Amino acid sequence: MVLFGLAHAVGAGAVRLAADAEPLFLGYQPSPASSPYPGVSCISVNDAVVHGIPGRYALRHGDLVSVDCGARYRGWSGDAALSFIVGEHPDPRVTRSDEALIATTRAALDAGIAAARPGARLGDVAHAIGRVARAAGYGLMANHGGHGIGREMHEAPHVPNEGRPGRGLVLRPGLVLALEPMLIAGGTDAYVEDPDGWTLRTADGSRAAHIEHTVAVTEHLPEVLTQLARTRAMR
């Protein structure tokens, strides 16, 4: 995926898709959206949780950045996101807070991936993600979560970031899910929409992190598809 190494390349140049990969976000317009999405990636900064439109804003030391990117390659879709800090905030307490938020978001994703095993249920995955986030005191953006993915970017089932174990769809080998916890530092689940019709921000102005992987349920262990091949060991 194009995201790997991006955190080290911010400000250093452009990030390109493979020549034969098709960007999934550009021109995408789900039914609630008033206009097609105008970018190849979503770049959400600080209190923006998801769907931030890339623009002329110059990143500063201490910004918390979440980048989400999707592509279709040889007929199959992949979706991934990462969060990182640009340099260090002038107040080290902010940097430490952001680092904890990102680490917990990653841990929540890892818990969801570990739960995506054959015979488990969708509620087990949702519960695993939500339990990590809530235990740390963070909010989970309301009404948003992961999704099935395959020939199209968004397919059934919807994957909540919180749920009851033992409930929902039984996971079978061959099912592919995009898991994406979206954690809010202030503990609220509420969000507001920018006038651009896309960017979603925390309602309390606190910072947010968003990390995502595309994960295949196999006959044995889940396999993360949106990692570099050399590190894509099944968990």
Protein backbone atom coordinates (compact mmCIF):
# COMPACT_ATOMS: atom_id res chain seq x y z
CA MET A 1 0.00 0.00 0.00
CA VAL A 2 1.10 3.58 -0.67
CA LEU A 3 0.87 4.56 3.00
CA PHE A 4 3.99 2.72 4.10
CA GLY A 5 6.84 5.10 4.71
CA LEU A 6 4.51 8.11 4.39
CA ALA A 7 5.07 9.26 7.95
CA HIS A 8 8.77 9.65 7.11
CA ALA A 9 8.08 11.40 3.82
CA VAL A 10 5.70 14.17 4.91
CA GLY A 11 6.83 17.35 3.21
CA ALA A 12 9.46 15.52 1.20
CA GLY A 13 7.50 14.81 -1.96
CA ALA A 14 4.47 13.16 -3.49
CA VAL A 15 3.10 9.73 -2.74
CA ARG A 16 2.15 7.77 -5.85
CA LEU A 17 -0.10 4.85 -6.50
CA ALA A 18 1.26 1.97 -8.54
CA ALA A 19 0.81 2.72 -12.22
CA ASP A 20 -1.87 0.08 -12.65
CA ALA A 21 -3.75 0.79 -9.41
CA GLU A 22 -7.04 2.72 -9.41
CA PRO A 23 -7.70 5.24 -6.61
CA LEU A 24 -10.95 4.44 -4.83
CA PHE A 25 -11.68 7.74 -3.11
CA LEU A 26 -11.45 10.16 -6.03
CA GLY A 27 -14.96 10.91 -7.27
CA TYR A 28 -16.57 8.62 -4.69
CA GLN A 29 -20.06 9.82 -3.70
CA PRO A 30 -22.15 7.73 -1.29
CA SER A 31 -25.80 8.63 -0.94
CA PRO A 32 -25.43 10.99 2.07
CA ALA A 33 -22.71 13.07 0.38
CA SER A 34 -23.68 16.29 -1.41
CA SER A 35 -20.70 16.13 -3.80
CA PRO A 36 -18.10 13.63 -5.03
CA TYR A 37 -14.95 13.32 -2.94
CA PRO A 38 -12.29 15.51 -4.61
CA GLY A 39 -9.08 13.81 -3.46
CA VAL A 40 -7.14 10.57 -3.85
CA SER A 41 -6.57 10.30 -0.09
CA CYS A 42 -8.18 11.63 3.07
CA ILE A 43 -5.87 13.69 5.30
CA SER A 44 -7.38 14.56 8.67
CA VAL A 45 -5.46 16.81 11.06
CA ASN A 46 -5.80 17.15 14.85
CA ASP A 47 -9.55 17.31 15.68
CA ALA A 48 -10.54 16.00 12.23
CA VAL A 49 -11.35 12.31 12.65
CA VAL A 50 -11.86 11.17 9.06
CA HIS A 51 -12.57 12.32 5.50
CA GLY A 52 -10.40 15.44 5.63
CA ILE A 53 -9.91 16.91 2.14
CA PRO A 54 -6.26 17.62 1.26
CA GLY A 55 -5.67 21.33 0.82
CA ARG A 56 -3.20 24.17 1.28
CA TYR A 57 -2.83 23.82 5.04
CA ALA A 58 0.87 23.58 5.92
CA LEU A 59 1.56 20.91 8.52
CA ARG A 60 3.20 22.13 11.71
CA HIS A 61 5.28 20.52 14.41
CA GLY A 62 2.96 18.71 16.78
CA ASP A 63 0.10 18.13 14.34
CA LEU A 64 -1.60 14.75 14.66
CA VAL A 65 -2.25 13.53 11.12
CA SER A 66 -4.42 10.64 9.94
CA VAL A 67 -4.07 9.54 6.32
CA ASP A 68 -6.59 7.17 4.73
CA CYS A 69 -6.06 5.73 1.25
CA GLY A 70 -7.79 3.11 -0.88
CA ALA A 71 -6.95 1.54 -4.22
CA ARG A 72 -8.19 -1.17 -6.54
CA TYR A 73 -5.39 -3.35 -7.85
CA ARG A 74 -6.03 -6.09 -10.40
CA GLY A 75 -9.73 -6.02 -9.59
CA TRP A 76 -9.46 -6.15 -5.80
CA SER A 77 -9.85 -3.28 -3.35
CA GLY A 78 -7.68 -2.40 -0.37
CA ASP A 79 -8.24 0.26 2.29
CA ALA A 80 -5.80 1.36 4.99
CA ALA A 81 -5.12 4.31 7.28
CA LEU A 82 -2.46 5.43 9.71
CA SER A 83 -2.01 8.19 12.28
CA PHE A 84 1.25 9.89 13.20
CA ILE A 85 2.67 13.03 14.78
CA VAL A 86 4.59 15.60 12.76
CA GLY A 87 7.77 16.26 14.72
CA GLU A 88 7.04 17.21 18.31
CA HIS A 89 4.53 19.61 19.83
CA PRO A 90 6.02 22.58 21.72
CA ASP A 91 4.23 21.24 24.80
CA PRO A 92 5.61 17.72 25.47
CA ARG A 93 2.42 16.84 27.32
CA VAL A 94 0.49 17.14 24.06
CA THR A 95 2.97 14.86 22.31
CA ARG A 96 2.70 12.26 25.08
CA SER A 97 -1.10 12.45 24.95
CA ASP A 98 -1.11 11.99 21.18
CA GLU A 99 1.33 9.09 21.39
CA ALA A 100 -0.95 7.35 23.91
CA LEU A 101 -3.99 7.95 21.70
CA ILE A 102 -2.26 6.52 18.62
CA ALA A 103 -0.89 3.54 20.57
CA THR A 104 -4.34 2.71 21.92
CA THR A 105 -5.91 3.03 18.48
CA ARG A 106 -3.31 0.60 17.15
CA ALA A 107 -3.94 -1.77 20.06
CA ALA A 108 -7.69 -1.64 19.42
CA LEU A 109 -7.10 -2.52 15.77
CA ASP A 110 -4.76 -5.37 16.75
CA ALA A 111 -7.42 -6.72 19.11
CA GLY A 112 -10.02 -6.62 16.34
CA ILE A 113 -7.68 -8.37 13.92
CA ALA A 114 -6.93 -11.10 16.47
CA ALA A 115 -10.66 -11.70 16.91
CA ALA A 116 -11.29 -12.13 13.16
CA ARG A 117 -11.03 -15.92 13.15
CA PRO A 118 -13.22 -18.53 11.46
CA GLY A 119 -16.23 -19.41 13.60
CA ALA A 120 -16.09 -16.16 15.56
CA ARG A 121 -18.88 -13.64 15.15
CA LEU A 122 -18.84 -10.04 14.01
CA GLY A 123 -19.77 -8.95 17.51
CA ASP A 124 -16.56 -10.53 18.79
CA VAL A 125 -14.51 -8.25 16.52
CA ALA A 126 -16.52 -5.17 17.47
CA HIS A 127 -16.28 -5.99 21.17
CA ALA A 128 -12.52 -6.51 20.99
CA ILE A 129 -12.00 -3.10 19.41
CA GLY A 130 -14.38 -1.25 21.71
CA ARG A 131 -13.09 -2.85 24.90
CA VAL A 132 -9.56 -1.53 24.32
CA ALA A 133 -10.76 1.98 23.48
CA ARG A 134 -13.19 2.29 26.39
CA ALA A 135 -10.75 0.87 28.92
CA ALA A 136 -8.40 3.75 28.08
CA GLY A 137 -11.18 6.33 28.42
CA TYR A 138 -11.41 7.28 24.76
CA GLY A 139 -14.49 7.94 22.67
CA LEU A 140 -15.42 6.03 19.51
CA MET A 141 -16.90 8.13 16.72
CA ALA A 142 -20.62 7.43 16.62
CA ASN A 143 -22.21 5.64 13.67
CA HIS A 144 -18.91 4.84 11.98
CA GLY A 145 -16.87 1.68 11.72
CA GLY A 146 -15.31 -0.81 9.35
CA HIS A 147 -16.83 -2.66 6.42
CA GLY A 148 -16.57 -5.58 4.11
CA ILE A 149 -14.32 -5.05 1.11
CA GLY A 150 -13.64 -6.93 -2.11
CA ARG A 151 -14.37 -5.97 -5.69
CA GLU A 152 -15.84 -2.75 -4.28
CA MET A 153 -14.51 -0.59 -1.46
CA HIS A 154 -17.62 -0.72 0.69
CA GLU A 155 -19.40 -4.06 0.87
CA ALA A 156 -21.44 -5.84 3.55
CA PRO A 157 -21.12 -6.31 6.43
CA HIS A 158 -20.80 -3.10 8.42
CA VAL A 159 -18.30 -3.65 11.25
CA PRO A 160 -19.09 -1.54 14.34
CA ASN A 161 -16.25 -0.45 16.59
CA GLU A 162 -18.20 -1.59 19.62
CA GLY A 163 -20.55 -4.51 20.13
CA ARG A 164 -21.63 -7.56 22.08
CA PRO A 165 -19.54 -10.73 21.82
CA GLY A 166 -21.21 -13.83 20.43
CA ARG A 167 -23.61 -11.82 18.28
CA GLY A 168 -23.87 -11.14 14.57
CA LEU A 169 -22.54 -12.72 11.41
CA VAL A 170 -20.42 -15.87 11.72
CA LEU A 171 -17.00 -15.26 10.15
CA ARG A 172 -16.07 -17.69 7.39
CA PRO A 173 -12.79 -18.15 5.47
CA GLY A 174 -12.73 -15.86 2.46
CA LEU A 175 -14.46 -12.93 4.16
CA VAL A 176 -12.39 -9.75 3.92
CA LEU A 177 -12.96 -6.84 6.29
CA ALA A 178 -11.57 -3.33 6.56
CA LEU A 179 -11.22 -2.75 10.32
CA GLU A 180 -10.80 0.87 11.37
CA PRO A 181 -11.06 2.12 14.95
CA MET A 182 -11.51 5.91 15.19
CA LEU A 183 -10.69 7.08 18.72
CA ILE A 184 -11.42 10.48 20.22
CA ALA A 185 -9.16 11.77 22.99
CA GLY A 186 -11.86 13.69 24.86
CA GLY A 187 -13.98 10.61 25.49
CA THR A 188 -17.00 11.79 23.53
CA ASP A 189 -18.48 9.85 20.60
CA ALA A 190 -20.02 12.97 19.05
CA TYR A 191 -18.78 14.63 15.87
CA VAL A 192 -19.66 17.55 13.60
CA GLU A 193 -19.41 17.96 9.84
CA ASP A 194 -17.45 20.75 8.16
CA PRO A 195 -19.13 22.96 5.54
CA ASP A 196 -17.16 21.05 2.87
CA GLY A 197 -19.62 18.19 3.38
CA TRP A 198 -16.88 15.64 4.04
CA THR A 199 -14.56 16.42 6.96
CA LEU A 200 -15.83 15.04 10.26
CA ARG A 201 -14.45 16.61 13.46
CA THR A 202 -14.73 15.81 17.13
CA ALA A 203 -17.59 17.74 18.71
CA ASP A 204 -15.47 18.71 21.72
CA GLY A 205 -12.44 19.84 19.71
CA SER A 206 -10.18 17.13 21.10
CA ARG A 207 -7.79 15.20 18.89
CA ALA A 208 -8.53 11.94 17.13
CA ALA A 209 -6.66 8.98 15.65
CA HIS A 210 -7.68 6.56 12.90
CA ILE A 211 -5.81 3.39 11.95
CA GLU A 212 -7.09 0.81 9.45
CA HIS A 213 -6.10 -2.43 7.80
CA THR A 214 -7.75 -4.74 5.28
CA VAL A 215 -7.91 -8.19 6.87
CA ALA A 216 -8.77 -11.60 5.40
CA VAL A 217 -10.40 -14.34 7.45
CA THR A 218 -8.60 -17.58 6.56
CA GLU A 219 -9.03 -21.19 7.64
CA HIS A 220 -6.52 -20.58 10.42
CA LEU A 221 -5.40 -17.09 11.45
CA PRO A 222 -6.42 -13.65 10.12
CA GLU A 223 -4.10 -12.22 7.46
CA VAL A 224 -3.44 -8.50 7.18
CA LEU A 225 -3.41 -7.69 3.46
CA THR A 226 -2.40 -4.03 3.68
CA GLN A 227 1.09 -4.59 5.08
CA LEU A 228 4.37 -4.88 3.30
CA ALA A 229 4.77 -8.46 2.09
CA ARG A 230 7.87 -9.05 4.20
CA THR A 231 6.00 -8.19 7.41
CA ARG A 232 2.59 -9.64 6.55
CA ALA A 233 2.71 -12.65 8.85
CA MET A 234 -0.64 -13.99 9.90
CA ARG A 235 -1.53 -13.14 13.47
